[in-house]
C-alpha atoms as a PDB file:
ATOM      1  CA  MET A   1       0.000   0.000   0.000  1.00  0.00           C
ATOM      2  CA  ILE A   2       1.150   3.535  -0.760  1.00  0.00           C
ATOM      3  CA  GLU A   3       1.840   5.956   2.100  1.00  0.00           C
ATOM      4  CA  LEU A   4       0.910   9.622   1.926  1.00  0.00           C
ATOM      5  CA  ASN A   5       3.546  12.346   1.959  1.00  0.00           C
ATOM      6  CA  LYS A   6       6.264  10.118   0.595  1.00  0.00           C
ATOM      7  CA  ILE A   7       8.247   9.868  -2.648  1.00  0.00           C
ATOM      8  CA  TYR A   8       9.088   6.450  -4.051  1.00  0.00           C
ATOM      9  CA  ASN A   9      12.268   5.765  -6.000  1.00  0.00           C
ATOM     10  CA  GLU A  10      10.662   3.560  -8.656  1.00  0.00           C
ATOM     11  CA  ASP A  11       8.912   3.468 -12.019  1.00  0.00           C
ATOM     12  CA  CYS A  12       5.639   5.342 -11.580  1.00  0.00           C
ATOM     13  CA  LEU A  13       3.726   2.817 -13.690  1.00  0.00           C
ATOM     14  CA  GLN A  14       4.580   0.066 -11.212  1.00  0.00           C
ATOM     15  CA  GLY A  15       4.109   2.307  -8.190  1.00  0.00           C
ATOM     16  CA  MET A  16       0.687   3.580  -9.223  1.00  0.00           C
ATOM     17  CA  LYS A  17      -0.602   0.004  -9.312  1.00  0.00           C
ATOM     18  CA  ARG A  18      -0.468   0.095  -5.490  1.00  0.00           C
ATOM     19  CA  ILE A  19      -2.675   3.211  -5.319  1.00  0.00           C
ATOM     20  CA  PRO A  20      -6.339   2.326  -4.651  1.00  0.00           C
ATOM     21  CA  ASP A  21      -8.988   3.066  -7.283  1.00  0.00           C
ATOM     22  CA  LYS A  22     -10.468   6.566  -7.222  1.00  0.00           C
ATOM     23  CA  SER A  23      -8.288   7.816  -4.353  1.00  0.00           C
ATOM     24  CA  VAL A  24      -6.417  10.783  -5.902  1.00  0.00           C
ATOM     25  CA  ASP A  25      -8.020  14.236  -5.993  1.00  0.00           C
ATOM     26  CA  LEU A  26      -5.515  15.931  -8.276  1.00  0.00           C
ATOM     27  CA  THR A  27      -2.457  15.019 -10.314  1.00  0.00           C
ATOM     28  CA  VAL A  28       0.004  17.739 -11.289  1.00  0.00           C
ATOM     29  CA  THR A  29       2.888  16.417 -13.356  1.00  0.00           C
ATOM     30  CA  SER A  30       5.136  16.984 -16.341  1.00  0.00           C
ATOM     31  CA  PRO A  31       6.390  13.906 -18.180  1.00  0.00           C
ATOM     32  CA  PRO A  32       9.560  13.594 -20.246  1.00  0.00           C
ATOM     33  CA  TYR A  33       8.698  14.127 -23.888  1.00  0.00           C
ATOM     34  CA  ASP A  34      10.022  13.479 -27.398  1.00  0.00           C
ATOM     35  CA  ASN A  35      13.829  13.584 -27.421  1.00  0.00           C
ATOM     36  CA  LEU A  36      13.612  13.269 -23.621  1.00  0.00           C
ATOM     37  CA  ARG A  37      11.419  10.149 -23.752  1.00  0.00           C
ATOM     38  CA  THR A  38      14.480   8.197 -22.678  1.00  0.00           C
ATOM     39  CA  TYR A  39      15.218  10.243 -19.597  1.00  0.00           C
ATOM     40  CA  ASN A  40      18.724   9.698 -18.187  1.00  0.00           C
ATOM     41  CA  GLY A  41      18.568   6.229 -19.710  1.00  0.00           C
ATOM     42  CA  PHE A  42      15.035   5.464 -18.466  1.00  0.00           C
ATOM     43  CA  SER A  43      12.089   4.968 -20.825  1.00  0.00           C
ATOM     44  CA  TRP A  44       8.398   5.205 -19.914  1.00  0.00           C
ATOM     45  CA  ASP A  45       5.035   3.982 -21.195  1.00  0.00           C
ATOM     46  CA  PHE A  46       2.690   6.921 -21.869  1.00  0.00           C
ATOM     47  CA  GLU A  47      -0.481   4.906 -22.477  1.00  0.00           C
ATOM     48  CA  GLY A  48       0.143   2.792 -19.392  1.00  0.00           C
ATOM     49  CA  VAL A  49       0.595   5.891 -17.225  1.00  0.00           C
ATOM     50  CA  ALA A  50      -2.508   7.582 -18.676  1.00  0.00           C
ATOM     51  CA  ASN A  51      -4.680   4.537 -17.987  1.00  0.00           C
ATOM     52  CA  GLU A  52      -3.406   4.255 -14.417  1.00  0.00           C
ATOM     53  CA  LEU A  53      -4.160   7.954 -13.904  1.00  0.00           C
ATOM     54  CA  HIS A  54      -7.745   7.362 -15.023  1.00  0.00           C
ATOM     55  CA  ARG A  55      -8.083   4.459 -12.586  1.00  0.00           C
ATOM     56  CA  VAL A  56      -6.685   6.232  -9.501  1.00  0.00           C
ATOM     57  CA  THR A  57      -8.390   9.607 -10.091  1.00  0.00           C
ATOM     58  CA  LYS A  58     -11.567  10.236  -8.123  1.00  0.00           C
ATOM     59  CA  ASP A  59     -14.790  11.026  -9.938  1.00  0.00           C
ATOM     60  CA  GLY A  60     -14.591  14.788 -10.367  1.00  0.00           C
ATOM     61  CA  GLY A  61     -10.816  14.721  -9.958  1.00  0.00           C
ATOM     62  CA  VAL A  62      -8.396  16.557 -12.230  1.00  0.00           C
ATOM     63  CA  VAL A  63      -5.109  15.808 -13.982  1.00  0.00           C
ATOM     64  CA  VAL A  64      -2.847  18.744 -14.876  1.00  0.00           C
ATOM     65  CA  TRP A  65      -0.560  17.474 -17.648  1.00  0.00           C
ATOM     66  CA  ILE A  66       2.208  19.968 -18.480  1.00  0.00           C
ATOM     67  CA  VAL A  67       3.985  19.106 -21.709  1.00  0.00           C
ATOM     68  CA  GLY A  68       5.724  20.565 -24.741  1.00  0.00           C
ATOM     69  CA  ASP A  69       6.710  19.356 -28.193  1.00  0.00           C
ATOM     70  CA  GLY A  70      10.223  18.660 -29.304  1.00  0.00           C
ATOM     71  CA  THR A  71      11.486  19.464 -32.791  1.00  0.00           C
ATOM     72  CA  ILE A  72      12.560  16.333 -34.627  1.00  0.00           C
ATOM     73  CA  LYS A  73      14.103  16.522 -38.111  1.00  0.00           C
ATOM     74  CA  GLY A  74      12.881  20.091 -38.541  1.00  0.00           C
ATOM     75  CA  SER A  75       9.274  19.421 -37.514  1.00  0.00           C
ATOM     76  CA  GLU A  76       7.473  19.828 -34.211  1.00  0.00           C
ATOM     77  CA  SER A  77       6.335  16.392 -33.080  1.00  0.00           C
ATOM     78  CA  GLY A  78       2.736  17.128 -32.078  1.00  0.00           C
ATOM     79  CA  THR A  79       3.152  14.669 -29.189  1.00  0.00           C
ATOM     80  CA  SER A  80       1.256  16.969 -26.827  1.00  0.00           C
ATOM     81  CA  PHE A  81      -1.889  16.860 -28.994  1.00  0.00           C
ATOM     82  CA  LYS A  82      -1.642  13.106 -29.479  1.00  0.00           C
ATOM     83  CA  GLN A  83      -1.477  12.657 -25.716  1.00  0.00           C
ATOM     84  CA  ALA A  84      -4.436  14.986 -25.142  1.00  0.00           C
ATOM     85  CA  LEU A  85      -6.545  13.011 -27.619  1.00  0.00           C
ATOM     86  CA  TYR A  86      -5.601   9.746 -25.923  1.00  0.00           C
ATOM     87  CA  PHE A  87      -6.673  11.102 -22.515  1.00  0.00           C
ATOM     88  CA  LYS A  88     -10.061  11.875 -24.099  1.00  0.00           C
ATOM     89  CA  GLU A  89     -10.258   8.386 -25.632  1.00  0.00           C
ATOM     90  CA  ILE A  90      -9.904   6.692 -22.243  1.00  0.00           C
ATOM     91  CA  GLY A  91     -12.622   8.770 -20.592  1.00  0.00           C
ATOM     92  CA  PHE A  92     -11.181  12.083 -19.432  1.00  0.00           C
ATOM     93  CA  ASN A  93     -12.740  15.407 -20.388  1.00  0.00           C
ATOM     94  CA  LEU A  94     -10.423  18.096 -21.750  1.00  0.00           C
ATOM     95  CA  HIS A  95     -11.630  20.729 -19.299  1.00  0.00           C
ATOM     96  CA  ASP A  96      -9.192  23.460 -20.391  1.00  0.00           C
ATOM     97  CA  THR A  97      -6.138  23.949 -22.557  1.00  0.00           C
ATOM     98  CA  MET A  98      -3.886  26.343 -20.695  1.00  0.00           C
ATOM     99  CA  ILE A  99      -0.546  27.873 -21.617  1.00  0.00           C
ATOM    100  CA  TRP A 100       2.514  28.382 -19.444  1.00  0.00           C
ATOM    101  CA  GLU A 101       4.281  31.342 -21.043  1.00  0.00           C
ATOM    102  CA  LYS A 102       7.927  31.423 -20.079  1.00  0.00           C
ATOM    103  CA  TRP A 103      11.093  33.092 -21.230  1.00  0.00           C
ATOM    104  CA  SER A 104      13.302  30.838 -23.364  1.00  0.00           C
ATOM    105  CA  PRO A 105      17.080  31.277 -23.589  1.00  0.00           C
ATOM    106  CA  PHE A 106      17.376  29.122 -26.718  1.00  0.00           C
ATOM    107  CA  PRO A 107      16.747  31.171 -29.892  1.00  0.00           C
ATOM    108  CA  ASP A 108      15.982  29.407 -33.171  1.00  0.00           C
ATOM    109  CA  LYS A 109      17.106  30.768 -36.535  1.00  0.00           C
ATOM    110  CA  THR A 110      14.287  29.144 -38.528  1.00  0.00           C
ATOM    111  CA  ARG A 111      11.165  29.791 -36.392  1.00  0.00           C
ATOM    112  CA  TYR A 112       9.895  32.165 -33.716  1.00  0.00           C
ATOM    113  CA  ASN A 113      11.411  31.583 -30.306  1.00  0.00           C
ATOM    114  CA  GLN A 114       9.579  28.824 -28.424  1.00  0.00           C
ATOM    115  CA  SER A 115       8.357  30.340 -25.164  1.00  0.00           C
ATOM    116  CA  PHE A 116       5.485  28.190 -23.861  1.00  0.00           C
ATOM    117  CA  GLU A 117       4.315  24.759 -22.790  1.00  0.00           C
ATOM    118  CA  TYR A 118       0.795  23.337 -22.787  1.00  0.00           C
ATOM    119  CA  MET A 119      -0.986  22.743 -19.510  1.00  0.00           C
ATOM    120  CA  PHE A 120      -3.861  20.375 -20.301  1.00  0.00           C
ATOM    121  CA  ILE A 121      -6.531  20.228 -17.612  1.00  0.00           C
ATOM    122  CA  PHE A 122      -8.235  16.834 -17.781  1.00  0.00           C
ATOM    123  CA  SER A 123     -11.213  16.065 -15.552  1.00  0.00           C
ATOM    124  CA  LYS A 124     -12.912  12.785 -14.733  1.00  0.00           C
ATOM    125  CA  GLY A 125     -16.439  14.039 -15.270  1.00  0.00           C
ATOM    126  CA  LYS A 126     -17.280  17.515 -14.030  1.00  0.00           C
ATOM    127  CA  PRO A 127     -14.516  18.921 -11.784  1.00  0.00           C
ATOM    128  CA  LYS A 128     -15.591  18.709  -8.151  1.00  0.00           C
ATOM    129  CA  THR A 129     -13.281  21.534  -7.093  1.00  0.00           C
ATOM    130  CA  VAL A 130     -12.807  24.791  -8.992  1.00  0.00           C
ATOM    131  CA  ASN A 131     -11.221  27.694  -7.104  1.00  0.00           C
ATOM    132  CA  LEU A 132     -10.438  30.116  -9.904  1.00  0.00           C
ATOM    133  CA  ILE A 133      -7.770  32.626  -8.954  1.00  0.00           C
ATOM    134  CA  LYS A 134      -8.912  36.241  -9.204  1.00  0.00           C
ATOM    135  CA  ASP A 135      -5.874  38.488  -9.551  1.00  0.00           C
ATOM    136  CA  LYS A 136      -6.423  40.222 -12.908  1.00  0.00           C
ATOM    137  CA  PRO A 137      -6.892  43.970 -12.245  1.00  0.00           C
ATOM    138  CA  ASN A 138     -10.119  45.371 -13.666  1.00  0.00           C
ATOM    139  CA  LYS A 139      -9.747  48.717 -15.440  1.00  0.00           C
ATOM    140  CA  ARG A 140     -13.361  49.631 -14.614  1.00  0.00           C
ATOM    141  CA  TYR A 141     -13.004  48.906 -10.887  1.00  0.00           C
ATOM    142  CA  ARG A 142     -15.814  50.535  -8.822  1.00  0.00           C
ATOM    143  CA  GLU A 143     -17.909  51.389 -11.865  1.00  0.00           C
ATOM    144  CA  THR A 144     -21.533  50.277 -11.860  1.00  0.00           C
ATOM    145  CA  VAL A 145     -22.675  48.412 -14.944  1.00  0.00           C
ATOM    146  CA  THR A 146     -26.066  47.234 -16.157  1.00  0.00           C
ATOM    147  CA  GLY A 147     -26.586  43.805 -17.618  1.00  0.00           C
ATOM    148  CA  THR A 148     -27.577  43.385 -21.263  1.00  0.00           C
ATOM    149  CA  SER A 149     -29.470  40.874 -23.359  1.00  0.00           C
ATOM    150  CA  ARG A 150     -30.182  40.454 -27.080  1.00  0.00           C
ATOM    151  CA  ASN A 151     -33.258  40.972 -29.203  1.00  0.00           C
ATOM    152  CA  LYS A 152     -34.178  38.353 -31.789  1.00  0.00           C
ATOM    153  CA  ASP A 153     -32.467  40.444 -34.445  1.00  0.00           C
ATOM    154  CA  GLY A 154     -29.207  40.300 -32.475  1.00  0.00           C
ATOM    155  CA  SER A 155     -29.248  43.880 -31.167  1.00  0.00           C
ATOM    156  CA  LEU A 156     -28.428  44.533 -27.516  1.00  0.00           C
ATOM    157  CA  PHE A 157     -30.731  46.107 -24.935  1.00  0.00           C
ATOM    158  CA  GLU A 158     -30.123  46.985 -21.290  1.00  0.00           C
ATOM    159  CA  LEU A 159     -31.790  45.086 -18.488  1.00  0.00           C
ATOM    160  CA  HIS A 160     -33.428  47.282 -15.850  1.00  0.00           C
ATOM    161  CA  GLY A 161     -33.913  46.869 -12.131  1.00  0.00           C
ATOM    162  CA  LYS A 162     -31.573  46.849  -9.126  1.00  0.00           C
ATOM    163  CA  LYS A 163     -30.742  43.159  -9.520  1.00  0.00           C
ATOM    164  CA  ASN A 164     -29.289  43.791 -12.953  1.00  0.00           C
ATOM    165  CA  LYS A 165     -26.805  46.427 -11.765  1.00  0.00           C
ATOM    166  CA  LYS A 166     -23.469  45.491 -10.284  1.00  0.00           C
ATOM    167  CA  LYS A 167     -20.218  47.149  -9.308  1.00  0.00           C
ATOM    168  CA  ILE A 168     -17.061  46.023 -11.029  1.00  0.00           C
ATOM    169  CA  ALA A 169     -14.768  44.224  -8.576  1.00  0.00           C
ATOM    170  CA  GLU A 170     -11.129  45.219  -8.144  1.00  0.00           C
ATOM    171  CA  PHE A 171      -9.905  41.924  -9.600  1.00  0.00           C
ATOM    172  CA  GLY A 172     -11.339  39.530 -12.146  1.00  0.00           C
ATOM    173  CA  THR A 173     -10.605  35.883 -12.911  1.00  0.00           C
ATOM    174  CA  ARG A 174      -7.124  35.205 -14.244  1.00  0.00           C
ATOM    175  CA  LEU A 175      -6.788  34.258 -17.920  1.00  0.00           C
ATOM    176  CA  ASN A 176      -5.711  30.746 -18.941  1.00  0.00           C
ATOM    177  CA  VAL A 177      -2.308  31.929 -20.159  1.00  0.00           C
ATOM    178  CA  TRP A 178      -0.007  32.063 -17.121  1.00  0.00           C
ATOM    179  CA  LYS A 179       3.157  34.074 -17.543  1.00  0.00           C
ATOM    180  CA  MET A 180       5.801  32.888 -15.086  1.00  0.00           C
ATOM    181  CA  PRO A 181       9.579  32.703 -15.555  1.00  0.00           C
ATOM    182  CA  PRO A 182      11.216  29.265 -15.325  1.00  0.00           C
ATOM    183  CA  VAL A 183      13.639  28.496 -12.524  1.00  0.00           C
ATOM    184  CA  MET A 184      16.985  29.555 -13.990  1.00  0.00           C
ATOM    185  CA  SER A 185      19.266  30.870 -11.241  1.00  0.00           C
ATOM    186  CA  SER A 186      17.985  31.379  -7.721  1.00  0.00           C
ATOM    187  CA  SER A 187      17.916  29.763  -4.309  1.00  0.00           C
ATOM    188  CA  GLU A 188      15.076  27.591  -5.645  1.00  0.00           C
ATOM    189  CA  ARG A 189      17.283  26.104  -8.360  1.00  0.00           C
ATOM    190  CA  THR A 190      18.401  22.455  -8.127  1.00  0.00           C
ATOM    191  CA  GLY A 191      20.339  20.237 -10.499  1.00  0.00           C
ATOM    192  CA  HIS A 192      17.204  19.126 -12.344  1.00  0.00           C
ATOM    193  CA  PRO A 193      17.224  20.233 -16.022  1.00  0.00           C
ATOM    194  CA  ALA A 194      13.477  20.990 -16.217  1.00  0.00           C
ATOM    195  CA  GLN A 195      12.566  22.313 -12.789  1.00  0.00           C
ATOM    196  CA  PHE A 196       9.246  24.141 -12.495  1.00  0.00           C
ATOM    197  CA  PRO A 197       8.701  27.270 -10.385  1.00  0.00           C
ATOM    198  CA  GLU A 198       6.849  26.450  -7.192  1.00  0.00           C
ATOM    199  CA  SER A 199       4.362  29.264  -7.890  1.00  0.00           C
ATOM    200  CA  LEU A 200       3.153  27.468 -11.041  1.00  0.00           C
ATOM    201  CA  ILE A 201       2.408  24.253  -9.156  1.00  0.00           C
ATOM    202  CA  LYS A 202       0.942  26.080  -6.168  1.00  0.00           C
ATOM    203  CA  ASP A 203      -1.551  27.957  -8.326  1.00  0.00           C
ATOM    204  CA  HIS A 204      -2.767  24.692  -9.867  1.00  0.00           C
ATOM    205  CA  LEU A 205      -3.134  23.180  -6.387  1.00  0.00           C
ATOM    206  CA  ILE A 206      -5.227  26.162  -5.314  1.00  0.00           C
ATOM    207  CA  SER A 207      -7.320  26.052  -8.489  1.00  0.00           C
ATOM    208  CA  TRP A 208      -8.239  22.349  -8.596  1.00  0.00           C
ATOM    209  CA  SER A 209      -7.976  21.032  -5.017  1.00  0.00           C
ATOM    210  CA  ASN A 210      -8.643  21.846  -1.367  1.00  0.00           C
ATOM    211  CA  GLU A 211      -6.594  21.522   1.803  1.00  0.00           C
ATOM    212  CA  HIS A 212      -5.975  17.914   2.925  1.00  0.00           C
ATOM    213  CA  ASP A 213      -6.672  16.554  -0.575  1.00  0.00           C
ATOM    214  CA  THR A 214      -4.385  13.887  -2.033  1.00  0.00           C
ATOM    215  CA  ILE A 215      -2.088  15.104  -4.815  1.00  0.00           C
ATOM    216  CA  LEU A 216      -0.092  12.835  -7.130  1.00  0.00           C
ATOM    217  CA  ASP A 217       3.011  13.631  -9.164  1.00  0.00           C
ATOM    218  CA  CYS A 218       4.111  10.572 -11.113  1.00  0.00           C
ATOM    219  CA  PHE A 219       7.244  12.333 -12.435  1.00  0.00           C
ATOM    220  CA  MET A 220       8.321  14.103  -9.242  1.00  0.00           C
ATOM    221  CA  GLY A 221      11.762  15.226 -10.416  1.00  0.00           C
ATOM    222  CA  SER A 222      13.351  17.508  -7.841  1.00  0.00           C
ATOM    223  CA  GLY A 223      10.242  17.548  -5.623  1.00  0.00           C
ATOM    224  CA  THR A 224       8.579  20.875  -6.463  1.00  0.00           C
ATOM    225  CA  THR A 225       5.051  19.436  -6.323  1.00  0.00           C
ATOM    226  CA  ALA A 226       5.748  17.973  -2.871  1.00  0.00           C
ATOM    227  CA  ILE A 227       7.117  21.328  -1.651  1.00  0.00           C
ATOM    228  CA  ALA A 228       4.033  23.150  -2.953  1.00  0.00           C
ATOM    229  CA  CYS A 229       1.786  20.595  -1.219  1.00  0.00           C
ATOM    230  CA  ILE A 230       3.556  21.106   2.099  1.00  0.00           C
ATOM    231  CA  ASN A 231       3.191  24.877   1.779  1.00  0.00           C
ATOM    232  CA  THR A 232      -0.538  24.665   0.903  1.00  0.00           C
ATOM    233  CA  ASN A 233      -1.514  21.936   3.400  1.00  0.00           C
ATOM    234  CA  ARG A 234      -2.115  19.129   0.903  1.00  0.00           C
ATOM    235  CA  ASN A 235      -1.039  15.479   1.028  1.00  0.00           C
ATOM    236  CA  PHE A 236       1.231  14.174  -1.722  1.00  0.00           C
ATOM    237  CA  ILE A 237       2.316  10.952  -3.366  1.00  0.00           C
ATOM    238  CA  GLY A 238       5.303  11.005  -5.696  1.00  0.00           C
ATOM    239  CA  PHE A 239       7.408   8.740  -7.883  1.00  0.00           C
ATOM    240  CA  GLU A 240      10.863   9.465  -9.258  1.00  0.00           C
ATOM    241  CA  LEU A 241      12.909   6.801 -11.008  1.00  0.00           C
ATOM    242  CA  ASP A 242      16.219   8.686 -11.136  1.00  0.00           C
ATOM    243  CA  GLU A 243      17.997   8.198  -7.804  1.00  0.00           C
ATOM    244  CA  THR A 244      19.884  11.514  -8.021  1.00  0.00           C
ATOM    245  CA  TYR A 245      16.689  13.557  -8.381  1.00  0.00           C
ATOM    246  CA  TYR A 246      14.931  11.367  -5.807  1.00  0.00           C
ATOM    247  CA  ASN A 247      17.617  12.284  -3.250  1.00  0.00           C
ATOM    248  CA  ILE A 248      17.433  15.973  -4.173  1.00  0.00           C
ATOM    249  CA  ALA A 249      13.656  15.907  -3.721  1.00  0.00           C
ATOM    250  CA  ASN A 250      13.873  14.310  -0.282  1.00  0.00           C
ATOM    251  CA  GLU A 251      16.465  16.865   0.859  1.00  0.00           C
ATOM    252  CA  ARG A 252      14.177  19.696  -0.246  1.00  0.00           C
ATOM    253  CA  ILE A 253      11.192  18.100   1.491  1.00  0.00           C
ATOM    254  CA  GLU A 254      13.096  17.776   4.765  1.00  0.00           C
ATOM    255  CA  LYS A 255      14.072  21.445   4.653  1.00  0.00           C
ATOM    256  CA  SER A 256      10.505  22.515   3.861  1.00  0.00           C
ATOM    257  CA  LEU A 257       9.117  20.479   6.744  1.00  0.00           C
ATOM    258  CA  GLU A 258      11.666  22.046   9.089  1.00  0.00           C
ATOM    259  CA  ARG A 259      10.514  25.529   8.041  1.00  0.00           C
ATOM    260  CA  VAL A 260       6.817  24.631   8.421  1.00  0.00           C
ATOM    261  CA  ILE A 261       7.228  22.906  11.787  1.00  0.00           C
ATOM    262  CA  GLY A 262       9.576  25.626  12.948  1.00  0.00           C
END
């Protein structure tokens, strides 16, 4: 049986088989892709992982699948779209297609500089938890607006009455393109080549889960998902096959727990 708040140094496909059916509230993960499919000498089975994710995810649970496309022989692979379609085939809904916009230090002479990754939000049925972050400043803050409707000919008309008037809030719901810099050189940086900023993971945890929920990361890497779970009062389960990154993740977790416990 799998224990909560622990990372396992093993193949996630084998490890997930020990997770009970419908026991995970949210998965946030980023798999190796394309020219990284053999990751430090390790290969992985996408379809096997996707099917296990469907089995362990609760009804109403969500999978955040962060992935990009490699360029192979001059052509982008399209792997991300193929994976999204497979998730739909096995029963997930494609709830949202989000973008992580990031700065890229690797210019390309033949195409515009690649500066984003896809963040596919898959849900098992209707998402049971949606806590949309509202931090987009509204230009019309404090203004009072009246609701509108349409005539049969398509023209707009104003709705009247107190119930149809509302004041514009200071902040509106964030857009689905999240602009956050990658971890390049800071105290957060580890030796992992594709480390995510904690803020990116934390905002997904806030959006699609609640405190004390169970969060899975089947490609834990340097442990950022676990750190974000500790700092937002969630439980985590993680798998990392590479022993070097597994050790880095556990060191980071120990330090985070020391800070939280005091």
